[in-house]
N, C-alpha and C. Protein backbone atom coordinates (compact mmCIF):
# COMPACT_ATOMS: atom_id res chain seq x y z
N UNK A 1 61.63 -6.11 -51.69
CA UNK A 1 62.16 -7.11 -51.22
C UNK A 1 61.51 -8.39 -51.92
N UNK A 2 62.25 -9.43 -52.16
CA UNK A 2 61.64 -10.53 -52.72
C UNK A 2 62.25 -11.72 -51.87
N UNK A 3 61.56 -12.91 -52.28
CA UNK A 3 61.88 -14.19 -51.50
C UNK A 3 62.24 -15.46 -52.56
N UNK A 4 63.11 -15.99 -52.10
CA UNK A 4 63.49 -17.28 -53.02
C UNK A 4 62.53 -18.30 -52.81
N UNK A 5 62.31 -19.42 -53.75
CA UNK A 5 61.52 -20.40 -53.34
C UNK A 5 62.02 -21.59 -52.67
N UNK A 6 63.55 -21.61 -52.69
CA UNK A 6 64.42 -22.47 -52.18
C UNK A 6 65.80 -22.02 -51.82
N UNK A 7 66.72 -22.65 -51.19
CA UNK A 7 68.14 -22.12 -50.92
C UNK A 7 68.85 -21.99 -52.26
N UNK A 8 68.75 -23.14 -53.20
CA UNK A 8 69.41 -22.99 -54.44
C UNK A 8 69.07 -21.91 -55.19
N UNK A 9 67.88 -21.38 -55.18
CA UNK A 9 67.43 -20.18 -56.16
C UNK A 9 68.01 -18.79 -55.41
N UNK A 10 68.00 -18.97 -54.27
CA UNK A 10 68.65 -17.72 -53.32
C UNK A 10 69.97 -17.39 -53.66
N UNK A 11 70.88 -18.66 -53.51
CA UNK A 11 72.23 -18.78 -53.77
C UNK A 11 72.47 -17.97 -55.42
N UNK A 12 71.82 -18.60 -56.38
CA UNK A 12 71.84 -18.21 -57.59
C UNK A 12 71.61 -16.72 -57.82
N UNK A 13 70.51 -16.42 -57.23
CA UNK A 13 70.27 -14.83 -57.39
C UNK A 13 71.58 -13.92 -56.75
N UNK A 14 71.86 -14.35 -55.65
CA UNK A 14 72.83 -13.53 -54.86
C UNK A 14 74.19 -13.64 -55.87
N UNK A 15 74.49 -14.88 -56.45
CA UNK A 15 75.58 -14.97 -57.24
C UNK A 15 75.64 -14.22 -58.48
N UNK A 16 74.41 -14.16 -59.15
CA UNK A 16 74.20 -13.51 -60.06
C UNK A 16 74.35 -11.81 -59.89
N UNK A 17 73.66 -11.41 -58.85
CA UNK A 17 73.68 -9.98 -58.68
C UNK A 17 75.04 -9.33 -58.44
N UNK A 18 75.71 -10.22 -57.49
CA UNK A 18 77.04 -9.89 -56.96
C UNK A 18 77.95 -9.75 -57.99
N UNK A 19 77.73 -10.77 -59.04
CA UNK A 19 78.63 -10.95 -60.23
C UNK A 19 78.50 -9.83 -61.34
N UNK A 20 77.28 -9.16 -61.02
CA UNK A 20 76.92 -7.98 -62.03
C UNK A 20 77.23 -6.65 -61.32
N UNK A 21 77.93 -6.82 -60.21
CA UNK A 21 78.44 -5.65 -59.33
C UNK A 21 77.32 -5.00 -58.46
N UNK A 22 76.31 -5.55 -57.96
CA UNK A 22 75.50 -5.26 -57.09
C UNK A 22 75.86 -5.75 -55.74
N UNK A 23 75.61 -4.95 -54.73
CA UNK A 23 75.44 -5.37 -53.39
C UNK A 23 74.05 -6.05 -53.15
N UNK A 24 74.05 -7.25 -52.25
CA UNK A 24 72.76 -7.85 -51.93
C UNK A 24 72.71 -8.05 -50.71
N UNK A 25 71.42 -7.88 -50.05
CA UNK A 25 71.08 -8.01 -48.60
C UNK A 25 70.33 -9.34 -48.68
N UNK A 26 70.57 -10.29 -47.61
CA UNK A 26 69.76 -11.33 -47.56
C UNK A 26 69.59 -12.05 -46.10
N UNK A 27 68.34 -12.66 -46.17
CA UNK A 27 68.17 -13.44 -44.54
C UNK A 27 68.08 -14.90 -44.98
N UNK A 28 68.93 -15.76 -44.51
CA UNK A 28 68.75 -17.20 -44.81
C UNK A 28 67.42 -17.87 -44.10
N UNK A 29 67.01 -17.57 -43.06
CA UNK A 29 65.82 -18.02 -42.28
C UNK A 29 64.65 -18.00 -43.29
N UNK A 30 64.33 -16.80 -43.91
CA UNK A 30 63.21 -16.50 -44.75
C UNK A 30 63.22 -16.57 -46.24
N UNK A 31 64.61 -16.59 -46.76
CA UNK A 31 64.99 -16.73 -48.09
C UNK A 31 64.82 -15.36 -48.72
N UNK A 32 64.62 -14.33 -47.88
CA UNK A 32 64.32 -12.90 -48.52
C UNK A 32 65.80 -12.47 -48.89
N UNK A 33 65.61 -11.47 -49.87
CA UNK A 33 66.68 -10.67 -50.44
C UNK A 33 66.33 -9.53 -51.20
N UNK A 34 67.14 -8.68 -51.41
CA UNK A 34 67.07 -7.37 -52.20
C UNK A 34 68.33 -6.91 -52.58
N UNK A 35 68.21 -6.45 -53.85
CA UNK A 35 69.36 -5.83 -54.51
C UNK A 35 69.63 -4.58 -54.40
N UNK A 36 70.74 -4.02 -53.87
CA UNK A 36 70.77 -2.70 -53.57
C UNK A 36 71.31 -1.69 -54.75
N UNK A 37 70.83 -0.56 -54.88
CA UNK A 37 71.33 0.33 -55.85
C UNK A 37 71.80 1.64 -55.21
N UNK A 38 72.76 2.09 -55.95
CA UNK A 38 73.47 3.20 -55.21
C UNK A 38 72.61 4.56 -55.50
N UNK A 39 72.00 4.77 -56.88
CA UNK A 39 71.21 5.96 -57.13
C UNK A 39 70.21 5.63 -57.90
N UNK A 40 69.17 6.61 -57.90
CA UNK A 40 67.80 6.50 -58.58
C UNK A 40 67.77 7.65 -59.72
N UNK A 41 67.48 7.35 -60.97
CA UNK A 41 67.39 8.20 -61.94
C UNK A 41 66.15 8.67 -61.87
N UNK A 42 65.75 10.09 -61.53
CA UNK A 42 64.41 10.63 -61.41
C UNK A 42 63.69 10.90 -62.65
N UNK A 43 64.77 11.85 -63.46
CA UNK A 43 64.04 12.37 -64.85
C UNK A 43 64.80 12.12 -65.97
N UNK A 44 66.04 11.51 -65.97
CA UNK A 44 67.00 11.27 -67.12
C UNK A 44 67.91 12.34 -67.02
N UNK A 45 67.57 13.47 -66.12
CA UNK A 45 68.64 14.38 -65.78
C UNK A 45 69.11 14.85 -64.33
N UNK A 46 68.10 14.13 -63.23
CA UNK A 46 68.15 14.35 -61.91
C UNK A 46 68.59 13.14 -61.44
N UNK A 47 69.56 12.72 -60.76
CA UNK A 47 69.96 11.48 -59.91
C UNK A 47 69.92 11.53 -58.48
N UNK A 48 69.37 10.87 -57.75
CA UNK A 48 69.35 10.90 -56.47
C UNK A 48 70.00 9.75 -55.73
N UNK A 49 70.91 9.95 -54.89
CA UNK A 49 71.63 8.84 -54.30
C UNK A 49 70.66 8.14 -53.15
N UNK A 50 70.51 7.00 -53.15
CA UNK A 50 69.69 6.18 -52.50
C UNK A 50 69.91 6.40 -50.89
N UNK A 51 71.14 6.57 -50.47
CA UNK A 51 71.56 6.91 -49.14
C UNK A 51 71.06 8.19 -48.75
N UNK A 52 70.60 9.31 -49.65
CA UNK A 52 70.38 10.76 -49.52
C UNK A 52 68.75 10.85 -49.57
N UNK A 53 67.91 9.96 -49.52
CA UNK A 53 66.78 10.26 -50.00
C UNK A 53 66.00 11.11 -48.72
N UNK A 54 65.14 11.71 -48.94
CA UNK A 54 64.41 12.56 -48.18
C UNK A 54 62.67 12.47 -48.36
N UNK A 55 62.04 12.56 -47.33
CA UNK A 55 60.66 12.13 -47.60
C UNK A 55 60.05 13.22 -48.47
N UNK A 56 60.32 14.34 -48.66
CA UNK A 56 59.50 15.08 -49.63
C UNK A 56 59.77 15.00 -51.19
N UNK A 57 61.01 14.25 -51.21
CA UNK A 57 61.21 13.78 -52.84
C UNK A 57 60.04 12.95 -53.28
N UNK A 58 59.49 12.05 -52.39
CA UNK A 58 58.56 11.38 -52.82
C UNK A 58 57.37 11.89 -53.84
N UNK A 59 57.13 13.00 -53.69
CA UNK A 59 56.11 13.84 -54.41
C UNK A 59 56.47 13.88 -55.81
N UNK A 60 57.94 13.93 -56.25
CA UNK A 60 58.04 14.08 -57.37
C UNK A 60 58.40 12.61 -58.32
N UNK A 61 58.36 11.70 -57.48
CA UNK A 61 58.51 10.34 -58.12
C UNK A 61 57.06 9.46 -58.78
N UNK A 62 57.59 8.76 -59.61
CA UNK A 62 56.46 7.94 -60.46
C UNK A 62 56.14 6.72 -59.48
N UNK A 63 54.90 5.93 -59.70
CA UNK A 63 54.81 4.97 -58.88
C UNK A 63 56.01 3.53 -58.84
N UNK A 64 56.53 3.42 -60.02
CA UNK A 64 57.40 2.32 -60.20
C UNK A 64 58.61 2.77 -59.44
N UNK A 65 59.06 4.19 -59.19
CA UNK A 65 60.16 4.66 -58.38
C UNK A 65 59.85 4.58 -57.12
N UNK A 66 58.76 4.82 -56.61
CA UNK A 66 58.06 4.74 -55.13
C UNK A 66 58.29 3.31 -54.80
N UNK A 67 57.95 2.50 -55.63
CA UNK A 67 57.82 0.95 -55.14
C UNK A 67 59.30 0.50 -55.09
N UNK A 68 60.39 0.89 -56.01
CA UNK A 68 61.72 0.70 -55.82
C UNK A 68 62.41 1.37 -54.64
N UNK A 69 61.89 2.60 -54.19
CA UNK A 69 62.36 2.92 -52.92
C UNK A 69 61.94 2.39 -51.85
N UNK A 70 60.73 1.55 -51.68
CA UNK A 70 60.20 0.98 -50.77
C UNK A 70 61.10 -0.38 -50.65
N UNK A 71 61.21 -0.98 -51.76
CA UNK A 71 61.91 -2.36 -51.75
C UNK A 71 63.34 -2.15 -51.32
N UNK A 72 63.92 -1.11 -51.71
CA UNK A 72 65.21 -0.70 -51.17
C UNK A 72 65.48 -0.55 -49.66
N UNK A 73 64.39 0.18 -49.12
CA UNK A 73 64.07 0.46 -47.67
C UNK A 73 64.15 -0.92 -46.80
N UNK A 74 63.08 -1.76 -47.66
CA UNK A 74 62.86 -3.18 -46.81
C UNK A 74 64.34 -3.99 -47.07
N UNK A 75 64.82 -3.88 -48.09
CA UNK A 75 66.01 -4.72 -48.02
C UNK A 75 67.25 -4.11 -46.94
N UNK A 76 67.26 -2.80 -46.84
CA UNK A 76 68.16 -2.65 -45.84
C UNK A 76 68.00 -3.07 -44.43
N UNK A 77 66.71 -3.52 -44.10
CA UNK A 77 66.41 -4.29 -43.05
C UNK A 77 67.08 -5.53 -42.73
N UNK A 78 67.42 -6.19 -43.98
CA UNK A 78 67.94 -7.59 -43.86
C UNK A 78 69.40 -7.70 -43.47
N UNK A 79 69.52 -8.76 -42.42
CA UNK A 79 70.69 -8.78 -41.53
C UNK A 79 72.06 -9.05 -42.27
N UNK A 80 71.89 -9.46 -43.51
CA UNK A 80 73.42 -9.82 -44.19
C UNK A 80 73.69 -9.34 -45.39
N UNK A 81 74.95 -8.71 -45.80
CA UNK A 81 75.20 -8.10 -46.89
C UNK A 81 76.32 -8.81 -47.69
N UNK A 82 76.25 -9.04 -49.00
CA UNK A 82 77.40 -9.26 -49.89
C UNK A 82 77.59 -8.18 -50.85
N UNK A 83 79.00 -7.68 -50.69
CA UNK A 83 79.22 -6.68 -51.75
C UNK A 83 79.87 -7.16 -52.76
N UNK A 84 79.94 -6.50 -53.92
CA UNK A 84 80.66 -7.15 -55.11
C UNK A 84 82.16 -7.00 -55.08
N UNK A 85 83.08 -7.73 -55.48
CA UNK A 85 84.34 -7.73 -55.51
C UNK A 85 84.74 -6.58 -56.24
N UNK A 86 86.02 -5.89 -55.94
CA UNK A 86 86.55 -4.66 -56.49
C UNK A 86 86.71 -4.99 -57.89
N UNK A 87 86.83 -4.04 -58.61
CA UNK A 87 86.91 -4.22 -60.16
C UNK A 87 88.20 -4.80 -60.76
N UNK A 88 89.36 -4.81 -59.77
CA UNK A 88 90.52 -5.50 -60.16
C UNK A 88 90.38 -7.02 -60.05
N UNK A 89 89.53 -7.46 -59.07
CA UNK A 89 89.41 -8.81 -58.85
C UNK A 89 88.64 -9.33 -59.95
N UNK A 90 87.74 -8.56 -60.49
CA UNK A 90 86.88 -8.94 -61.44
C UNK A 90 87.61 -8.99 -62.84
N UNK A 91 88.62 -8.34 -63.16
CA UNK A 91 89.35 -8.22 -64.10
C UNK A 91 90.32 -9.65 -64.09
N UNK A 92 90.82 -9.65 -62.89
CA UNK A 92 91.56 -11.00 -62.73
C UNK A 92 90.94 -12.38 -63.17
N UNK A 93 89.55 -12.55 -62.69
CA UNK A 93 88.87 -13.63 -63.04
C UNK A 93 88.84 -13.61 -64.51
N UNK A 94 88.48 -12.60 -65.32
CA UNK A 94 88.31 -12.49 -66.59
C UNK A 94 89.62 -13.03 -67.29
N UNK A 95 90.60 -12.38 -66.98
CA UNK A 95 91.97 -12.92 -67.48
C UNK A 95 92.33 -14.31 -67.15
N UNK A 96 92.11 -14.99 -66.13
CA UNK A 96 91.94 -16.36 -65.69
C UNK A 96 91.20 -17.21 -66.63
N UNK A 97 90.13 -16.80 -66.94
CA UNK A 97 89.16 -17.40 -67.62
C UNK A 97 89.81 -17.43 -69.19
N UNK A 98 90.27 -16.32 -69.59
CA UNK A 98 90.67 -16.20 -70.96
C UNK A 98 91.86 -16.90 -71.16
N UNK A 99 92.83 -17.01 -70.17
CA UNK A 99 93.96 -17.92 -70.17
C UNK A 99 93.33 -19.60 -70.31
N UNK A 100 92.68 -19.85 -69.46
CA UNK A 100 92.22 -21.25 -69.42
C UNK A 100 91.50 -21.81 -70.68
N UNK A 101 90.72 -20.79 -71.26
CA UNK A 101 89.94 -21.06 -72.44
C UNK A 101 90.89 -21.18 -73.64
N UNK A 102 92.12 -20.29 -73.73
CA UNK A 102 92.64 -20.57 -74.90
C UNK A 102 93.64 -21.71 -74.82
N UNK A 103 93.90 -22.22 -73.71
CA UNK A 103 94.66 -23.52 -73.47
C UNK A 103 93.67 -24.76 -73.92
N UNK A 104 92.31 -24.60 -73.82
CA UNK A 104 91.48 -25.72 -74.21
C UNK A 104 91.40 -25.73 -75.73
N UNK A 105 91.36 -24.37 -76.38
CA UNK A 105 91.22 -24.33 -77.94
C UNK A 105 92.24 -25.21 -78.42
N UNK A 106 91.42 -25.72 -79.78
CA UNK A 106 92.22 -26.98 -80.43
C UNK A 106 93.02 -26.08 -81.56
N UNK A 107 92.89 -24.87 -81.81
CA UNK A 107 93.69 -24.06 -82.67
C UNK A 107 94.10 -22.83 -81.91
N UNK A 108 95.29 -22.81 -81.25
CA UNK A 108 95.87 -21.77 -80.39
C UNK A 108 95.60 -20.36 -81.02
N UNK A 109 95.31 -19.36 -80.12
CA UNK A 109 95.23 -18.05 -80.60
C UNK A 109 96.41 -17.46 -80.87
């Protein structure tokens, strides 16, 4: 779990991560936030869903993986969550952007 230095930075971090398809949990009072991931790649061949972590799994993990899991567990304690928009909504945003951009072009496509 991380903390933003101010509200502007928190909003930017939330927007960037949600825009990249990640769920984000946060708390406005402390400016704490955490980006949630769905699964962890343990070995390049073995994936574990974060919602199904067991305590004995920690024996197999590297230090950075343990740190990631600890951050995930901390983030889950934060009270607010923003989920990314559905894929269809994201495609609509891209379509609308492309349509507006082509109208601004001096040489229509």
